[in-house]
Amino acid sequence: MFHVYLIKIAASPVGVVARSPEGFRFYAMARHFTALENLIFDSAEDARAAAMILSESR
């Protein structure tokens, strides 16, 4: 069974995270978020928090 979560910032989708044996892997949907591409997070919320921090640096 796959667990995939859409990550949105200000109602715009920026990526998805998919659960893997290692944790939650980020896949960017928006160019600005490619820095997070393939990183592993402990939770989907941790991935969203990282995306929020990255979005604030724009």
Protein backbone atom coordinates (compact mmCIF):
# COMPACT_ATOMS: atom_id res chain seq x y z
CA MET A 1 0.00 0.00 0.00
CA PHE A 2 1.32 3.45 -0.94
CA HIS A 3 1.04 6.48 1.26
CA VAL A 4 1.41 9.68 -0.75
CA TYR A 5 0.70 13.16 0.56
CA LEU A 6 0.31 16.35 -1.43
CA ILE A 7 2.29 19.27 -0.03
CA LYS A 8 0.66 22.67 -0.58
CA ILE A 9 1.81 26.14 0.32
CA ALA A 10 -0.71 28.97 0.10
CA ALA A 11 -3.11 26.64 -1.76
CA SER A 12 -0.50 25.85 -4.43
CA PRO A 13 0.83 22.30 -4.76
CA VAL A 14 4.63 22.30 -4.50
CA GLY A 15 5.38 18.60 -4.15
CA VAL A 16 4.39 15.23 -2.86
CA VAL A 17 5.89 12.96 -0.26
CA ALA A 18 5.72 9.21 -0.52
CA ARG A 19 6.25 6.89 2.38
CA SER A 20 9.18 4.52 1.91
CA PRO A 21 10.93 2.12 4.26
CA GLU A 22 13.44 4.88 5.09
CA GLY A 23 10.83 7.58 5.80
CA PHE A 24 8.99 10.13 3.66
CA ARG A 25 10.66 11.00 0.33
CA PHE A 26 9.94 14.42 -1.23
CA TYR A 27 9.25 14.85 -4.95
CA ALA A 28 9.06 18.45 -6.19
CA MET A 29 6.22 19.65 -8.42
CA ALA A 30 7.45 23.25 -8.55
CA ARG A 31 10.93 24.27 -9.71
CA HIS A 32 11.75 26.27 -6.58
CA PHE A 33 11.36 23.15 -4.43
CA THR A 34 13.81 20.89 -6.30
CA ALA A 35 16.31 21.46 -3.49
CA LEU A 36 14.13 19.10 -1.42
CA GLU A 37 13.91 16.50 -4.20
CA ASN A 38 14.53 12.96 -2.92
CA LEU A 39 15.30 14.06 0.64
CA ILE A 40 14.01 11.73 3.36
CA PHE A 41 11.92 13.15 6.21
CA ASP A 42 10.61 11.56 9.40
CA SER A 43 7.04 12.61 8.60
CA ALA A 44 4.95 14.30 5.93
CA GLU A 45 4.60 17.27 8.29
CA ASP A 46 8.40 17.58 8.52
CA ALA A 47 8.55 17.70 4.71
CA ARG A 48 5.87 20.41 4.66
CA ALA A 49 7.80 22.41 7.27
CA ALA A 50 10.95 22.22 5.13
CA ALA A 51 8.96 23.39 2.10
CA MET A 52 7.57 26.29 4.13
CA ILE A 53 11.07 27.37 5.17
CA LEU A 54 12.25 27.14 1.57
CA SER A 55 9.26 29.15 0.34
CA GLU A 56 10.09 31.96 2.77
CA SER A 57 13.53 32.31 1.18
CA ARG A 58 12.03 33.17 -2.22
